[in-house]
Amino acid sequence: MTDTGGYRWISLTTDYGTVDGFVAACKGVVATIAPAVSILDVTHHVPPGDVRRGALVLAQTLPFLPPGVHVGVVDPGVGTARRAVAIRAGGSVLVGPDNGLLPWAATELGGADRVVVLDRPDWHLTAVRSTFHGRDIFAPVAAHLATGRPFEQAGTPIDPAELVTLTEPVLRAGHGYVEVEVLTVDRFGNVQLAAGPEVLAELGPKVAVAVAAGAAAFQVRTGDTFGSVPPGVLLLYLDSADHVTLAVNGGSAVERLALAPGDVIRLSPA
């Protein structure tokens, strides 16, 4: 945050990709309104329309960024009755659609303390296109906030409890096992699960993994890093976001196990 109450940084997280000019258009709007602000690209390769994946990227990344205005655009409902919002949380502001994309990140930043619906046309571009709110609403609002315009003037306040939220991922304990949802898969093929360090500690050094209901379980070792097992061998480890993750040393766990986000697997001590 600057001495004048604005922000030095705006981050962008989208599903726009980098083949077309969508990202450049958003950056151009920001640069025109707030030329002194630096822009940080988180990613523009969230799978198209995958709000859950975008929410995870934001939640696991924003705590490591400087205070700023963080724009998220994964918005399959653009132009519909879904709201556009700004959320103040932990010294930063999150800007994007009210479709569940932002609340997990707000929680990771300390929780939402103020929310406004972005319904003030003077904060938007003059002509708002129904399919490009990233350029026409979210980017200009972020830029105006970065220049120090008051958060409260961006729109109509609502209770943070009114925000659309995503369903929490599956993590349930049974007698001698836990069932856990696959959260996401990274570009290396590592399979991140909705379980933290306490689950890994309870499972012990060897874990039985069943990837489908009724499927035979196979044994996996736990480790601190990929090199804890020989090349080509599966392991469970705690990743940089403190999530239990399945990996193959030098290979792809998602190819080996044919898993996808939303699948639920069973883990038990072996």
C-alpha atoms as a PDB file:
ATOM      1  CA  MET A   1       0.000   0.000   0.000  1.00  0.00           C
ATOM      2  CA  THR A   2       1.286   3.490  -0.793  1.00  0.00           C
ATOM      3  CA  ASP A   3       1.405   6.510   1.473  1.00  0.00           C
ATOM      4  CA  THR A   4      -1.658   7.901  -0.318  1.00  0.00           C
ATOM      5  CA  GLY A   5      -3.764   4.821   0.434  1.00  0.00           C
ATOM      6  CA  GLY A   6      -3.459   3.176  -2.960  1.00  0.00           C
ATOM      7  CA  TYR A   7      -1.501   0.073  -3.976  1.00  0.00           C
ATOM      8  CA  ARG A   8       1.759  -0.476  -5.843  1.00  0.00           C
ATOM      9  CA  TRP A   9       0.716  -3.871  -7.180  1.00  0.00           C
ATOM     10  CA  ILE A  10      -2.135  -5.350  -9.159  1.00  0.00           C
ATOM     11  CA  SER A  11      -2.126  -9.113  -9.753  1.00  0.00           C
ATOM     12  CA  LEU A  12      -4.032 -10.887 -12.518  1.00  0.00           C
ATOM     13  CA  THR A  13      -5.308 -14.478 -12.459  1.00  0.00           C
ATOM     14  CA  THR A  14      -7.457 -15.542 -15.413  1.00  0.00           C
ATOM     15  CA  ASP A  15      -8.462 -18.322 -17.769  1.00  0.00           C
ATOM     16  CA  TYR A  16      -7.825 -16.081 -20.791  1.00  0.00           C
ATOM     17  CA  GLY A  17      -4.675 -17.831 -22.000  1.00  0.00           C
ATOM     18  CA  THR A  18      -1.911 -15.952 -23.794  1.00  0.00           C
ATOM     19  CA  VAL A  19      -2.778 -16.649 -27.439  1.00  0.00           C
ATOM     20  CA  ASP A  20      -5.355 -13.873 -27.783  1.00  0.00           C
ATOM     21  CA  GLY A  21      -5.194 -10.224 -26.744  1.00  0.00           C
ATOM     22  CA  PHE A  22      -7.490 -10.456 -23.710  1.00  0.00           C
ATOM     23  CA  VAL A  23      -4.754 -10.145 -21.086  1.00  0.00           C
ATOM     24  CA  ALA A  24      -3.064  -7.286 -22.924  1.00  0.00           C
ATOM     25  CA  ALA A  25      -6.364  -5.400 -23.099  1.00  0.00           C
ATOM     26  CA  CYS A  26      -6.805  -5.696 -19.325  1.00  0.00           C
ATOM     27  CA  LYS A  27      -3.232  -4.559 -18.731  1.00  0.00           C
ATOM     28  CA  GLY A  28      -3.735  -1.663 -21.103  1.00  0.00           C
ATOM     29  CA  VAL A  29      -6.757  -0.460 -19.146  1.00  0.00           C
ATOM     30  CA  VAL A  30      -4.785  -0.647 -15.902  1.00  0.00           C
ATOM     31  CA  ALA A  31      -1.787   1.165 -17.419  1.00  0.00           C
ATOM     32  CA  THR A  32      -3.991   3.947 -18.769  1.00  0.00           C
ATOM     33  CA  ILE A  33      -5.688   4.623 -15.429  1.00  0.00           C
ATOM     34  CA  ALA A  34      -2.802   3.802 -13.070  1.00  0.00           C
ATOM     35  CA  PRO A  35       0.470   4.055 -15.032  1.00  0.00           C
ATOM     36  CA  ALA A  36       2.664   3.893 -11.930  1.00  0.00           C
ATOM     37  CA  VAL A  37       1.264   0.553 -10.748  1.00  0.00           C
ATOM     38  CA  SER A  38       3.161  -2.691 -11.362  1.00  0.00           C
ATOM     39  CA  ILE A  39       1.253  -5.708 -12.687  1.00  0.00           C
ATOM     40  CA  LEU A  40       2.024  -9.223 -11.537  1.00  0.00           C
ATOM     41  CA  ASP A  41       0.751 -12.155 -13.603  1.00  0.00           C
ATOM     42  CA  VAL A  42      -0.207 -15.125 -11.438  1.00  0.00           C
ATOM     43  CA  THR A  43      -1.439 -17.273 -14.330  1.00  0.00           C
ATOM     44  CA  HIS A  44      -3.635 -16.955 -17.374  1.00  0.00           C
ATOM     45  CA  HIS A  45      -3.899 -20.695 -17.886  1.00  0.00           C
ATOM     46  CA  VAL A  46      -6.611 -21.696 -15.450  1.00  0.00           C
ATOM     47  CA  PRO A  47      -8.654 -24.249 -17.444  1.00  0.00           C
ATOM     48  CA  PRO A  48     -11.464 -22.352 -19.206  1.00  0.00           C
ATOM     49  CA  GLY A  49     -14.390 -21.798 -16.860  1.00  0.00           C
ATOM     50  CA  ASP A  50     -12.855 -23.867 -14.045  1.00  0.00           C
ATOM     51  CA  VAL A  51     -13.854 -21.677 -11.095  1.00  0.00           C
ATOM     52  CA  ARG A  52     -12.709 -24.233  -8.519  1.00  0.00           C
ATOM     53  CA  ARG A  53      -9.230 -24.446 -10.009  1.00  0.00           C
ATOM     54  CA  GLY A  54      -9.003 -20.659 -10.130  1.00  0.00           C
ATOM     55  CA  ALA A  55     -10.109 -20.400  -6.499  1.00  0.00           C
ATOM     56  CA  LEU A  56      -7.388 -22.845  -5.465  1.00  0.00           C
ATOM     57  CA  VAL A  57      -4.715 -20.957  -7.406  1.00  0.00           C
ATOM     58  CA  LEU A  58      -5.716 -17.697  -5.750  1.00  0.00           C
ATOM     59  CA  ALA A  59      -5.938 -19.186  -2.252  1.00  0.00           C
ATOM     60  CA  GLN A  60      -2.552 -20.870  -2.511  1.00  0.00           C
ATOM     61  CA  THR A  61      -0.757 -17.945  -4.172  1.00  0.00           C
ATOM     62  CA  LEU A  62      -2.042 -14.631  -2.840  1.00  0.00           C
ATOM     63  CA  PRO A  63      -0.655 -15.055   0.706  1.00  0.00           C
ATOM     64  CA  PHE A  64       2.828 -14.871  -0.853  1.00  0.00           C
ATOM     65  CA  LEU A  65       2.201 -11.709  -2.876  1.00  0.00           C
ATOM     66  CA  PRO A  66       2.662  -8.147  -1.621  1.00  0.00           C
ATOM     67  CA  PRO A  67      -0.457  -6.270  -0.506  1.00  0.00           C
ATOM     68  CA  GLY A  68      -2.294  -5.167  -3.597  1.00  0.00           C
ATOM     69  CA  VAL A  69      -5.416  -5.369  -5.694  1.00  0.00           C
ATOM     70  CA  HIS A  70      -5.808  -8.963  -6.843  1.00  0.00           C
ATOM     71  CA  VAL A  71      -8.006  -9.469  -9.898  1.00  0.00           C
ATOM     72  CA  GLY A  72      -9.447 -12.917 -10.591  1.00  0.00           C
ATOM     73  CA  VAL A  73     -11.357 -13.618 -13.794  1.00  0.00           C
ATOM     74  CA  VAL A  74     -12.693 -17.116 -14.284  1.00  0.00           C
ATOM     75  CA  ASP A  75     -16.187 -16.148 -15.180  1.00  0.00           C
ATOM     76  CA  PRO A  76     -18.399 -18.541 -17.169  1.00  0.00           C
ATOM     77  CA  GLY A  77     -21.433 -16.511 -16.027  1.00  0.00           C
ATOM     78  CA  VAL A  78     -20.152 -13.196 -17.405  1.00  0.00           C
ATOM     79  CA  GLY A  79     -22.999 -10.942 -18.498  1.00  0.00           C
ATOM     80  CA  THR A  80     -25.638 -12.816 -16.507  1.00  0.00           C
ATOM     81  CA  ALA A  81     -27.216 -11.836 -13.184  1.00  0.00           C
ATOM     82  CA  ARG A  82     -24.086 -12.880 -11.267  1.00  0.00           C
ATOM     83  CA  ARG A  83     -22.626  -9.930  -9.384  1.00  0.00           C
ATOM     84  CA  ALA A  84     -19.245  -8.277  -9.778  1.00  0.00           C
ATOM     85  CA  VAL A  85     -17.626  -7.651  -6.392  1.00  0.00           C
ATOM     86  CA  ALA A  86     -14.630  -6.292  -4.546  1.00  0.00           C
ATOM     87  CA  ILE A  87     -13.588  -7.853  -1.233  1.00  0.00           C
ATOM     88  CA  ARG A  88     -11.294  -6.190   1.282  1.00  0.00           C
ATOM     89  CA  ALA A  89      -9.223  -8.742   3.197  1.00  0.00           C
ATOM     90  CA  GLY A  90      -5.960  -8.600   5.101  1.00  0.00           C
ATOM     91  CA  GLY A  91      -4.660  -5.323   3.679  1.00  0.00           C
ATOM     92  CA  SER A  92      -5.488  -6.274   0.073  1.00  0.00           C
ATOM     93  CA  VAL A  93      -8.524  -6.104  -2.190  1.00  0.00           C
ATOM     94  CA  LEU A  94      -9.846  -8.934  -4.359  1.00  0.00           C
ATOM     95  CA  VAL A  95     -11.821  -8.014  -7.480  1.00  0.00           C
ATOM     96  CA  GLY A  96     -13.818 -10.391  -9.654  1.00  0.00           C
ATOM     97  CA  PRO A  97     -17.085 -12.233 -10.197  1.00  0.00           C
ATOM     98  CA  ASP A  98     -19.259 -13.362  -7.303  1.00  0.00           C
ATOM     99  CA  ASN A  99     -19.207 -17.022  -8.324  1.00  0.00           C
ATOM    100  CA  GLY A 100     -17.073 -18.577  -5.590  1.00  0.00           C
ATOM    101  CA  LEU A 101     -13.743 -17.623  -7.160  1.00  0.00           C
ATOM    102  CA  LEU A 102     -12.590 -15.191  -4.457  1.00  0.00           C
ATOM    103  CA  PRO A 103     -13.743 -16.233  -0.940  1.00  0.00           C
ATOM    104  CA  TRP A 104     -11.157 -19.005  -0.339  1.00  0.00           C
ATOM    105  CA  ALA A 105      -8.381 -16.530  -1.083  1.00  0.00           C
ATOM    106  CA  ALA A 106     -10.014 -13.907   1.134  1.00  0.00           C
ATOM    107  CA  THR A 107     -10.017 -16.414   3.975  1.00  0.00           C
ATOM    108  CA  GLU A 108      -6.325 -17.152   3.437  1.00  0.00           C
ATOM    109  CA  LEU A 109      -5.616 -13.409   3.638  1.00  0.00           C
ATOM    110  CA  GLY A 110      -7.340 -13.139   7.023  1.00  0.00           C
ATOM    111  CA  GLY A 111     -11.014 -13.026   6.097  1.00  0.00           C
ATOM    112  CA  ALA A 112     -13.301 -10.608   4.290  1.00  0.00           C
ATOM    113  CA  ASP A 113     -14.071  -7.497   6.341  1.00  0.00           C
ATOM    114  CA  ARG A 114     -15.849  -5.429   3.649  1.00  0.00           C
ATOM    115  CA  VAL A 115     -17.552  -6.316   0.358  1.00  0.00           C
ATOM    116  CA  VAL A 116     -19.043  -4.054  -2.299  1.00  0.00           C
ATOM    117  CA  VAL A 117     -20.993  -4.884  -5.446  1.00  0.00           C
ATOM    118  CA  LEU A 118     -19.344  -3.090  -8.373  1.00  0.00           C
ATOM    119  CA  ASP A 119     -22.386  -1.186  -9.586  1.00  0.00           C
ATOM    120  CA  ARG A 120     -20.936   2.326 -10.029  1.00  0.00           C
ATOM    121  CA  PRO A 121     -20.623   3.008 -13.789  1.00  0.00           C
ATOM    122  CA  ASP A 122     -18.140   5.857 -13.291  1.00  0.00           C
ATOM    123  CA  TRP A 123     -15.605   3.247 -12.092  1.00  0.00           C
ATOM    124  CA  HIS A 124     -16.038   1.201 -15.303  1.00  0.00           C
ATOM    125  CA  LEU A 125     -15.139   1.797 -18.921  1.00  0.00           C
ATOM    126  CA  THR A 126     -17.662   3.912 -20.774  1.00  0.00           C
ATOM    127  CA  ALA A 127     -18.911   1.006 -22.889  1.00  0.00           C
ATOM    128  CA  VAL A 128     -19.230  -2.271 -20.966  1.00  0.00           C
ATOM    129  CA  ARG A 129     -19.420  -5.349 -23.171  1.00  0.00           C
ATOM    130  CA  SER A 130     -21.469  -8.246 -21.789  1.00  0.00           C
ATOM    131  CA  THR A 131     -18.717 -10.823 -22.447  1.00  0.00           C
ATOM    132  CA  PHE A 132     -15.590  -8.968 -21.297  1.00  0.00           C
ATOM    133  CA  HIS A 133     -16.029  -7.716 -17.735  1.00  0.00           C
ATOM    134  CA  GLY A 134     -12.352  -8.398 -17.100  1.00  0.00           C
ATOM    135  CA  ARG A 135     -11.446  -5.482 -19.342  1.00  0.00           C
ATOM    136  CA  ASP A 136     -14.501  -3.284 -18.844  1.00  0.00           C
ATOM    137  CA  ILE A 137     -15.233  -3.618 -15.096  1.00  0.00           C
ATOM    138  CA  PHE A 138     -12.618  -5.547 -13.126  1.00  0.00           C
ATOM    139  CA  ALA A 139      -9.486  -3.957 -14.621  1.00  0.00           C
ATOM    140  CA  PRO A 140     -10.667  -0.338 -14.297  1.00  0.00           C
ATOM    141  CA  VAL A 141     -11.993  -0.885 -10.775  1.00  0.00           C
ATOM    142  CA  ALA A 142      -8.654  -2.433  -9.763  1.00  0.00           C
ATOM    143  CA  ALA A 143      -6.774   0.475 -11.305  1.00  0.00           C
ATOM    144  CA  HIS A 144      -8.920   3.085  -9.568  1.00  0.00           C
ATOM    145  CA  LEU A 145      -8.417   1.344  -6.226  1.00  0.00           C
ATOM    146  CA  ALA A 146      -4.669   1.215  -6.849  1.00  0.00           C
ATOM    147  CA  THR A 147      -4.613   4.980  -7.371  1.00  0.00           C
ATOM    148  CA  GLY A 148      -6.175   5.480  -3.949  1.00  0.00           C
ATOM    149  CA  ARG A 149      -9.866   5.954  -4.684  1.00  0.00           C
ATOM    150  CA  PRO A 150     -11.834   4.863  -1.586  1.00  0.00           C
ATOM    151  CA  PHE A 151     -12.973   1.252  -1.517  1.00  0.00           C
ATOM    152  CA  GLU A 152     -16.406   2.223  -0.227  1.00  0.00           C
ATOM    153  CA  GLN A 153     -17.066   4.339  -3.326  1.00  0.00           C
ATOM    154  CA  ALA A 154     -16.584   1.407  -5.727  1.00  0.00           C
ATOM    155  CA  GLY A 155     -20.099   0.091  -5.174  1.00  0.00           C
ATOM    156  CA  THR A 156     -22.932  -0.871  -2.870  1.00  0.00           C
ATOM    157  CA  PRO A 157     -21.873  -2.632   0.354  1.00  0.00           C
ATOM    158  CA  ILE A 158     -23.175  -6.119   1.135  1.00  0.00           C
ATOM    159  CA  ASP A 159     -22.625  -8.519   4.010  1.00  0.00           C
ATOM    160  CA  PRO A 160     -19.611 -10.783   3.321  1.00  0.00           C
ATOM    161  CA  ALA A 161     -21.871 -13.700   4.278  1.00  0.00           C
ATOM    162  CA  GLU A 162     -23.858 -13.037   1.084  1.00  0.00           C
ATOM    163  CA  LEU A 163     -20.941 -13.972  -1.174  1.00  0.00           C
ATOM    164  CA  VAL A 164     -21.342 -17.079  -3.312  1.00  0.00           C
ATOM    165  CA  THR A 165     -19.082 -19.836  -1.955  1.00  0.00           C
ATOM    166  CA  LEU A 166     -17.924 -23.154  -3.340  1.00  0.00           C
ATOM    167  CA  THR A 167     -18.674 -26.441  -1.609  1.00  0.00           C
ATOM    168  CA  GLU A 168     -15.876 -27.536   0.681  1.00  0.00           C
ATOM    169  CA  PRO A 169     -13.795 -30.448  -0.656  1.00  0.00           C
ATOM    170  CA  VAL A 170     -14.417 -33.932   0.707  1.00  0.00           C
ATOM    171  CA  LEU A 171     -12.364 -34.974   3.709  1.00  0.00           C
ATOM    172  CA  ARG A 172     -14.058 -37.529   5.919  1.00  0.00           C
ATOM    173  CA  ALA A 173     -12.658 -40.000   8.412  1.00  0.00           C
ATOM    174  CA  GLY A 174     -13.855 -43.568   8.794  1.00  0.00           C
ATOM    175  CA  HIS A 175     -12.729 -46.459  10.952  1.00  0.00           C
ATOM    176  CA  GLY A 176      -9.039 -46.756  10.079  1.00  0.00           C
ATOM    177  CA  TYR A 177      -9.178 -44.681   6.873  1.00  0.00           C
ATOM    178  CA  VAL A 178      -9.830 -41.244   5.407  1.00  0.00           C
ATOM    179  CA  GLU A 179     -11.633 -40.410   2.169  1.00  0.00           C
ATOM    180  CA  VAL A 180     -10.248 -37.336   0.481  1.00  0.00           C
ATOM    181  CA  GLU A 181     -11.015 -35.367  -2.664  1.00  0.00           C
ATOM    182  CA  VAL A 182      -8.517 -34.647  -5.413  1.00  0.00           C
ATOM    183  CA  LEU A 183      -8.166 -30.860  -5.421  1.00  0.00           C
ATOM    184  CA  THR A 184      -6.041 -30.257  -8.460  1.00  0.00           C
ATOM    185  CA  VAL A 185      -3.286 -31.584 -10.684  1.00  0.00           C
ATOM    186  CA  ASP A 186      -0.210 -29.503 -11.536  1.00  0.00           C
ATOM    187  CA  ARG A 187       1.716 -29.491 -14.814  1.00  0.00           C
ATOM    188  CA  PHE A 188       4.125 -32.116 -13.466  1.00  0.00           C
ATOM    189  CA  GLY A 189       1.275 -34.563 -12.891  1.00  0.00           C
ATOM    190  CA  ASN A 190       1.332 -34.290  -9.106  1.00  0.00           C
ATOM    191  CA  VAL A 191      -2.105 -34.921  -7.567  1.00  0.00           C
ATOM    192  CA  GLN A 192      -2.957 -32.549  -4.712  1.00  0.00           C
ATOM    193  CA  LEU A 193      -5.440 -33.817  -2.129  1.00  0.00           C
ATOM    194  CA  ALA A 194      -7.758 -32.015   0.300  1.00  0.00           C
ATOM    195  CA  ALA A 195      -5.783 -33.139   3.344  1.00  0.00           C
ATOM    196  CA  GLY A 196      -3.130 -31.463   5.449  1.00  0.00           C
ATOM    197  CA  PRO A 197      -0.099 -32.436   7.527  1.00  0.00           C
ATOM    198  CA  GLU A 198      -2.142 -33.871  10.397  1.00  0.00           C
ATOM    199  CA  VAL A 199      -3.631 -36.482   8.061  1.00  0.00           C
ATOM    200  CA  LEU A 200      -0.230 -37.442   6.695  1.00  0.00           C
ATOM    201  CA  ALA A 201       1.138 -37.808  10.231  1.00  0.00           C
ATOM    202  CA  GLU A 202      -1.707 -40.148  11.187  1.00  0.00           C
ATOM    203  CA  LEU A 203      -1.214 -42.332   8.117  1.00  0.00           C
ATOM    204  CA  GLY A 204       2.386 -43.204   8.930  1.00  0.00           C
ATOM    205  CA  PRO A 205       5.324 -44.145   6.650  1.00  0.00           C
ATOM    206  CA  LYS A 206       3.372 -46.548   4.424  1.00  0.00           C
ATOM    207  CA  VAL A 207      -0.116 -45.844   3.102  1.00  0.00           C
ATOM    208  CA  ALA A 208      -2.681 -48.005   1.333  1.00  0.00           C
ATOM    209  CA  VAL A 209      -4.350 -46.076  -1.498  1.00  0.00           C
ATOM    210  CA  ALA A 210      -7.623 -47.096  -3.180  1.00  0.00           C
ATOM    211  CA  VAL A 211      -8.452 -44.837  -6.117  1.00  0.00           C
ATOM    212  CA  ALA A 212     -12.019 -46.049  -6.700  1.00  0.00           C
ATOM    213  CA  ALA A 213     -14.833 -47.607  -4.681  1.00  0.00           C
ATOM    214  CA  GLY A 214     -14.243 -51.338  -4.427  1.00  0.00           C
ATOM    215  CA  ALA A 215     -10.834 -51.119  -6.117  1.00  0.00           C
ATOM    216  CA  ALA A 216      -7.904 -53.023  -4.656  1.00  0.00           C
ATOM    217  CA  ALA A 217      -5.590 -50.822  -2.620  1.00  0.00           C
ATOM    218  CA  PHE A 218      -1.900 -50.465  -3.388  1.00  0.00           C
ATOM    219  CA  GLN A 219       0.883 -49.402  -1.068  1.00  0.00           C
ATOM    220  CA  VAL A 220       2.662 -46.071  -1.264  1.00  0.00           C
ATOM    221  CA  ARG A 221       5.535 -44.740   0.826  1.00  0.00           C
ATOM    222  CA  THR A 222       5.511 -41.266   2.355  1.00  0.00           C
ATOM    223  CA  GLY A 223       8.465 -38.950   2.031  1.00  0.00           C
ATOM    224  CA  ASP A 224       9.713 -35.389   2.310  1.00  0.00           C
ATOM    225  CA  THR A 225      10.629 -34.972  -1.352  1.00  0.00           C
ATOM    226  CA  PHE A 226      10.515 -36.768  -4.690  1.00  0.00           C
ATOM    227  CA  GLY A 227      13.931 -38.287  -4.082  1.00  0.00           C
ATOM    228  CA  SER A 228      12.599 -40.116  -1.007  1.00  0.00           C
ATOM    229  CA  VAL A 229      11.733 -42.990  -3.366  1.00  0.00           C
ATOM    230  CA  PRO A 230      13.521 -44.483  -6.401  1.00  0.00           C
ATOM    231  CA  PRO A 231      12.773 -43.121  -9.879  1.00  0.00           C
ATOM    232  CA  GLY A 232       9.384 -44.192 -11.205  1.00  0.00           C
ATOM    233  CA  VAL A 233       7.987 -44.982  -7.745  1.00  0.00           C
ATOM    234  CA  LEU A 234       4.836 -43.404  -6.263  1.00  0.00           C
ATOM    235  CA  LEU A 235       4.950 -41.481  -3.001  1.00  0.00           C
ATOM    236  CA  LEU A 236       2.828 -39.299  -0.753  1.00  0.00           C
ATOM    237  CA  TYR A 237       4.384 -36.061   0.419  1.00  0.00           C
ATOM    238  CA  LEU A 238       3.402 -32.673   1.837  1.00  0.00           C
ATOM    239  CA  ASP A 239       3.567 -30.069  -0.927  1.00  0.00           C
ATOM    240  CA  SER A 240       4.491 -26.394  -0.713  1.00  0.00           C
ATOM    241  CA  ALA A 241       0.859 -25.479   0.096  1.00  0.00           C
ATOM    242  CA  ASP A 242       0.818 -28.004   2.984  1.00  0.00           C
ATOM    243  CA  HIS A 243      -1.455 -30.410   1.123  1.00  0.00           C
ATOM    244  CA  VAL A 244      -0.959 -34.161   0.963  1.00  0.00           C
ATOM    245  CA  THR A 245       0.011 -34.925  -2.635  1.00  0.00           C
ATOM    246  CA  LEU A 246       0.571 -38.030  -4.740  1.00  0.00           C
ATOM    247  CA  ALA A 247       3.587 -37.951  -7.025  1.00  0.00           C
ATOM    248  CA  VAL A 248       5.879 -40.180  -9.043  1.00  0.00           C
ATOM    249  CA  ASN A 249       9.596 -39.533  -8.801  1.00  0.00           C
ATOM    250  CA  GLY A 250      10.456 -38.473 -12.335  1.00  0.00           C
ATOM    251  CA  GLY A 251       6.992 -39.238 -13.670  1.00  0.00           C
ATOM    252  CA  SER A 252       3.319 -38.316 -13.589  1.00  0.00           C
ATOM    253  CA  ALA A 253       1.011 -39.547 -10.839  1.00  0.00           C
ATOM    254  CA  VAL A 254      -2.096 -38.403 -12.709  1.00  0.00           C
ATOM    255  CA  GLU A 255      -1.160 -40.522 -15.730  1.00  0.00           C
ATOM    256  CA  ARG A 256      -0.280 -43.490 -13.538  1.00  0.00           C
ATOM    257  CA  LEU A 257      -3.520 -43.366 -11.535  1.00  0.00           C
ATOM    258  CA  ALA A 258      -5.971 -41.802 -14.029  1.00  0.00           C
ATOM    259  CA  LEU A 259      -7.289 -39.361 -11.430  1.00  0.00           C
ATOM    260  CA  ALA A 260      -9.021 -36.027 -11.982  1.00  0.00           C
ATOM    261  CA  PRO A 261     -10.066 -33.105  -9.747  1.00  0.00           C
ATOM    262  CA  GLY A 262     -13.226 -34.023  -7.862  1.00  0.00           C
ATOM    263  CA  ASP A 263     -12.377 -37.732  -7.599  1.00  0.00           C
ATOM    264  CA  VAL A 264     -12.428 -39.136  -4.066  1.00  0.00           C
ATOM    265  CA  ILE A 265      -9.827 -41.684  -2.970  1.00  0.00           C
ATOM    266  CA  ARG A 266      -9.342 -43.667   0.231  1.00  0.00           C
ATOM    267  CA  LEU A 267      -6.156 -43.599   2.309  1.00  0.00           C
ATOM    268  CA  SER A 268      -5.356 -45.871   5.240  1.00  0.00           C
ATOM    269  CA  PRO A 269      -2.238 -46.905   7.166  1.00  0.00           C
ATOM    270  CA  ALA A 270      -0.582 -49.923   5.516  1.00  0.00           C
END
